Amino acid sequence: MRELAEVGRREIWDGVTARMVEGERMTLAIIEIAAGKHVPEHVHDNEQIGFVIEGTVTFTVGDQTRVLGPGGSWRILSNVPHHAEVGPEGAVVAEAYAPGRADWANLPLLGPATPIWPHQA
């Protein structure tokens, strides 16, 4: 058990960082996305579910596009193309992947930083 601030960050794309908690067969990630960033279209074998914690994300999954704010959720089945545009305030999202994101484990760890969420008192 750890606090989110103790979990190492990895840069997935420029301006997109993830803190991951790994299980044997799944990954849970809290992802911080900088203001105005574009997550390029991609596919992966992992099923993916998630929701917006803060900010807005325009998500395209297959041929469906939706603007999602806090509480908005998505489900992406294996190998379905998807991409996202983040609003001007940036975003924090929670995502779960099954099987786990073994490909992310090889990305270098970034230096320590206080998480955007949860907000510190």
C-alpha atoms as a PDB file:
ATOM      1  CA  MET A   1       0.000   0.000   0.000  1.00  0.00           C
ATOM      2  CA  ARG A   2       1.252   3.441  -0.960  1.00  0.00           C
ATOM      3  CA  GLU A   3       0.093   6.999  -1.354  1.00  0.00           C
ATOM      4  CA  LEU A   4      -0.226   8.206  -4.952  1.00  0.00           C
ATOM      5  CA  ALA A   5       2.614  10.707  -4.357  1.00  0.00           C
ATOM      6  CA  GLU A   6       4.930   7.741  -3.693  1.00  0.00           C
ATOM      7  CA  VAL A   7       4.175   6.072  -7.034  1.00  0.00           C
ATOM      8  CA  GLY A   8       6.732   6.838  -9.751  1.00  0.00           C
ATOM      9  CA  ARG A   9       5.648   8.751 -12.859  1.00  0.00           C
ATOM     10  CA  ARG A  10       6.337   7.672 -16.422  1.00  0.00           C
ATOM     11  CA  GLU A  11       5.948   9.833 -19.542  1.00  0.00           C
ATOM     12  CA  ILE A  12       3.635   8.049 -21.979  1.00  0.00           C
ATOM     13  CA  TRP A  13       3.652  10.890 -24.545  1.00  0.00           C
ATOM     14  CA  ASP A  14       4.853  14.485 -24.377  1.00  0.00           C
ATOM     15  CA  GLY A  15       2.761  16.133 -21.653  1.00  0.00           C
ATOM     16  CA  VAL A  16       1.075  12.845 -20.647  1.00  0.00           C
ATOM     17  CA  THR A  17       2.339  11.177 -17.465  1.00  0.00           C
ATOM     18  CA  ALA A  18       1.044   8.122 -15.630  1.00  0.00           C
ATOM     19  CA  ARG A  19       1.393   6.786 -12.106  1.00  0.00           C
ATOM     20  CA  MET A  20       0.691   3.060 -12.231  1.00  0.00           C
ATOM     21  CA  VAL A  21      -0.337   0.491  -9.683  1.00  0.00           C
ATOM     22  CA  GLU A  22       0.339  -2.962 -11.104  1.00  0.00           C
ATOM     23  CA  GLY A  23      -1.428  -6.207 -10.343  1.00  0.00           C
ATOM     24  CA  GLU A  24      -0.669  -9.622 -11.751  1.00  0.00           C
ATOM     25  CA  ARG A  25      -3.110  -9.194 -14.648  1.00  0.00           C
ATOM     26  CA  MET A  26      -4.105  -5.533 -14.700  1.00  0.00           C
ATOM     27  CA  THR A  27      -2.816  -1.971 -14.453  1.00  0.00           C
ATOM     28  CA  LEU A  28      -4.523   0.968 -12.765  1.00  0.00           C
ATOM     29  CA  ALA A  29      -3.162   4.355 -13.845  1.00  0.00           C
ATOM     30  CA  ILE A  30      -3.793   7.919 -12.747  1.00  0.00           C
ATOM     31  CA  ILE A  31      -2.876   9.954 -15.806  1.00  0.00           C
ATOM     32  CA  GLU A  32      -2.142  13.680 -15.832  1.00  0.00           C
ATOM     33  CA  ILE A  33      -2.476  15.364 -19.219  1.00  0.00           C
ATOM     34  CA  ALA A  34      -1.198  18.887 -19.835  1.00  0.00           C
ATOM     35  CA  ALA A  35      -3.510  21.602 -21.151  1.00  0.00           C
ATOM     36  CA  GLY A  36      -4.358  21.373 -24.836  1.00  0.00           C
ATOM     37  CA  LYS A  37      -2.478  18.110 -25.409  1.00  0.00           C
ATOM     38  CA  HIS A  38      -3.388  15.605 -28.102  1.00  0.00           C
ATOM     39  CA  VAL A  39      -3.124  11.893 -27.377  1.00  0.00           C
ATOM     40  CA  PRO A  40      -2.452  10.419 -30.825  1.00  0.00           C
ATOM     41  CA  GLU A  41      -4.601   7.689 -32.327  1.00  0.00           C
ATOM     42  CA  HIS A  42      -3.374   4.269 -31.261  1.00  0.00           C
ATOM     43  CA  VAL A  43      -4.501   0.709 -30.579  1.00  0.00           C
ATOM     44  CA  HIS A  44      -3.417  -1.946 -28.101  1.00  0.00           C
ATOM     45  CA  ASP A  45      -4.422  -5.449 -27.082  1.00  0.00           C
ATOM     46  CA  ASN A  46      -5.377  -4.248 -23.595  1.00  0.00           C
ATOM     47  CA  GLU A  47      -9.004  -3.569 -22.798  1.00  0.00           C
ATOM     48  CA  GLN A  48      -9.264  -0.102 -21.249  1.00  0.00           C
ATOM     49  CA  ILE A  49     -11.864   1.520 -19.009  1.00  0.00           C
ATOM     50  CA  GLY A  50     -11.606   4.923 -17.419  1.00  0.00           C
ATOM     51  CA  PHE A  51     -13.192   8.117 -16.201  1.00  0.00           C
ATOM     52  CA  VAL A  52     -12.335  11.798 -15.961  1.00  0.00           C
ATOM     53  CA  ILE A  53     -11.418  13.050 -12.496  1.00  0.00           C
ATOM     54  CA  GLU A  54     -10.731  16.688 -13.450  1.00  0.00           C
ATOM     55  CA  GLY A  55     -10.799  18.726 -16.655  1.00  0.00           C
ATOM     56  CA  THR A  56     -12.331  17.885 -20.018  1.00  0.00           C
ATOM     57  CA  VAL A  57     -11.334  15.332 -22.622  1.00  0.00           C
ATOM     58  CA  THR A  58     -12.740  14.983 -26.134  1.00  0.00           C
ATOM     59  CA  PHE A  59     -12.444  11.239 -26.629  1.00  0.00           C
ATOM     60  CA  THR A  60     -12.827   9.408 -29.932  1.00  0.00           C
ATOM     61  CA  VAL A  61     -13.257   5.645 -29.682  1.00  0.00           C
ATOM     62  CA  GLY A  62     -13.761   3.972 -33.042  1.00  0.00           C
ATOM     63  CA  ASP A  63     -16.218   6.262 -34.841  1.00  0.00           C
ATOM     64  CA  GLN A  64     -17.814   7.783 -31.700  1.00  0.00           C
ATOM     65  CA  THR A  65     -16.646  11.157 -30.294  1.00  0.00           C
ATOM     66  CA  ARG A  66     -17.791  12.649 -26.973  1.00  0.00           C
ATOM     67  CA  VAL A  67     -16.713  15.542 -24.773  1.00  0.00           C
ATOM     68  CA  LEU A  68     -16.305  14.189 -21.238  1.00  0.00           C
ATOM     69  CA  GLY A  69     -15.955  16.121 -17.990  1.00  0.00           C
ATOM     70  CA  PRO A  70     -15.550  14.894 -14.408  1.00  0.00           C
ATOM     71  CA  GLY A  71     -17.347  11.575 -14.039  1.00  0.00           C
ATOM     72  CA  GLY A  72     -17.500  10.929 -17.788  1.00  0.00           C
ATOM     73  CA  SER A  73     -16.384   7.383 -18.566  1.00  0.00           C
ATOM     74  CA  TRP A  74     -15.279   5.191 -21.463  1.00  0.00           C
ATOM     75  CA  ARG A  75     -14.764   1.589 -22.406  1.00  0.00           C
ATOM     76  CA  ILE A  76     -12.344   0.610 -25.155  1.00  0.00           C
ATOM     77  CA  LEU A  77     -12.260  -2.972 -26.295  1.00  0.00           C
ATOM     78  CA  SER A  78      -9.063  -4.651 -27.464  1.00  0.00           C
ATOM     79  CA  ASN A  79      -7.547  -3.229 -30.687  1.00  0.00           C
ATOM     80  CA  VAL A  80     -10.126  -0.446 -31.212  1.00  0.00           C
ATOM     81  CA  PRO A  81      -8.484   2.791 -32.476  1.00  0.00           C
ATOM     82  CA  HIS A  82      -8.849   5.751 -30.116  1.00  0.00           C
ATOM     83  CA  HIS A  83      -7.427   9.225 -29.485  1.00  0.00           C
ATOM     84  CA  ALA A  84      -8.133  12.230 -27.276  1.00  0.00           C
ATOM     85  CA  GLU A  85      -7.912  16.022 -27.130  1.00  0.00           C
ATOM     86  CA  VAL A  86      -7.580  17.671 -23.723  1.00  0.00           C
ATOM     87  CA  GLY A  87      -9.191  20.980 -22.831  1.00  0.00           C
ATOM     88  CA  PRO A  88      -7.392  24.208 -21.914  1.00  0.00           C
ATOM     89  CA  GLU A  89      -7.302  23.371 -18.194  1.00  0.00           C
ATOM     90  CA  GLY A  90      -5.612  19.979 -18.644  1.00  0.00           C
ATOM     91  CA  ALA A  91      -7.058  16.787 -17.232  1.00  0.00           C
ATOM     92  CA  VAL A  92      -6.583  14.005 -14.711  1.00  0.00           C
ATOM     93  CA  VAL A  93      -8.076  10.627 -15.608  1.00  0.00           C
ATOM     94  CA  ALA A  94      -8.155   7.187 -14.014  1.00  0.00           C
ATOM     95  CA  GLU A  95      -7.775   4.187 -16.303  1.00  0.00           C
ATOM     96  CA  ALA A  96      -7.625   0.444 -15.836  1.00  0.00           C
ATOM     97  CA  TYR A  97      -6.101  -1.954 -18.360  1.00  0.00           C
ATOM     98  CA  ALA A  98      -6.360  -5.720 -18.669  1.00  0.00           C
ATOM     99  CA  PRO A  99      -4.042  -7.352 -19.240  1.00  0.00           C
ATOM    100  CA  GLY A 100      -1.614  -4.959 -17.558  1.00  0.00           C
ATOM    101  CA  ARG A 101       0.452  -2.422 -19.511  1.00  0.00           C
ATOM    102  CA  ALA A 102       3.740  -4.318 -19.535  1.00  0.00           C
ATOM    103  CA  ASP A 103       4.919  -2.009 -22.352  1.00  0.00           C
ATOM    104  CA  TRP A 104       4.818   0.990 -20.001  1.00  0.00           C
ATOM    105  CA  ALA A 105       7.057  -0.708 -17.421  1.00  0.00           C
ATOM    106  CA  ASN A 106      10.056  -0.098 -19.702  1.00  0.00           C
ATOM    107  CA  LEU A 107       9.519   3.669 -19.912  1.00  0.00           C
ATOM    108  CA  PRO A 108      11.969   5.665 -17.780  1.00  0.00           C
ATOM    109  CA  LEU A 109      10.829   6.977 -14.412  1.00  0.00           C
ATOM    110  CA  LEU A 110      10.531  10.755 -14.114  1.00  0.00           C
ATOM    111  CA  GLY A 111      11.644  12.732 -11.103  1.00  0.00           C
ATOM    112  CA  PRO A 112       9.336  13.167  -8.109  1.00  0.00           C
ATOM    113  CA  ALA A 113       6.408  15.573  -8.395  1.00  0.00           C
ATOM    114  CA  THR A 114       3.336  16.214  -6.288  1.00  0.00           C
ATOM    115  CA  PRO A 115       0.250  14.744  -7.975  1.00  0.00           C
ATOM    116  CA  ILE A 116      -2.290  17.202  -9.347  1.00  0.00           C
ATOM    117  CA  TRP A 117      -4.972  15.038  -7.730  1.00  0.00           C
ATOM    118  CA  PRO A 118      -5.802  14.483  -4.952  1.00  0.00           C
ATOM    119  CA  HIS A 119      -5.445  18.118  -3.975  1.00  0.00           C
ATOM    120  CA  GLN A 120      -3.063  18.711  -1.091  1.00  0.00           C
ATOM    121  CA  ALA A 121      -4.400  20.613   1.924  1.00  0.00           C
END
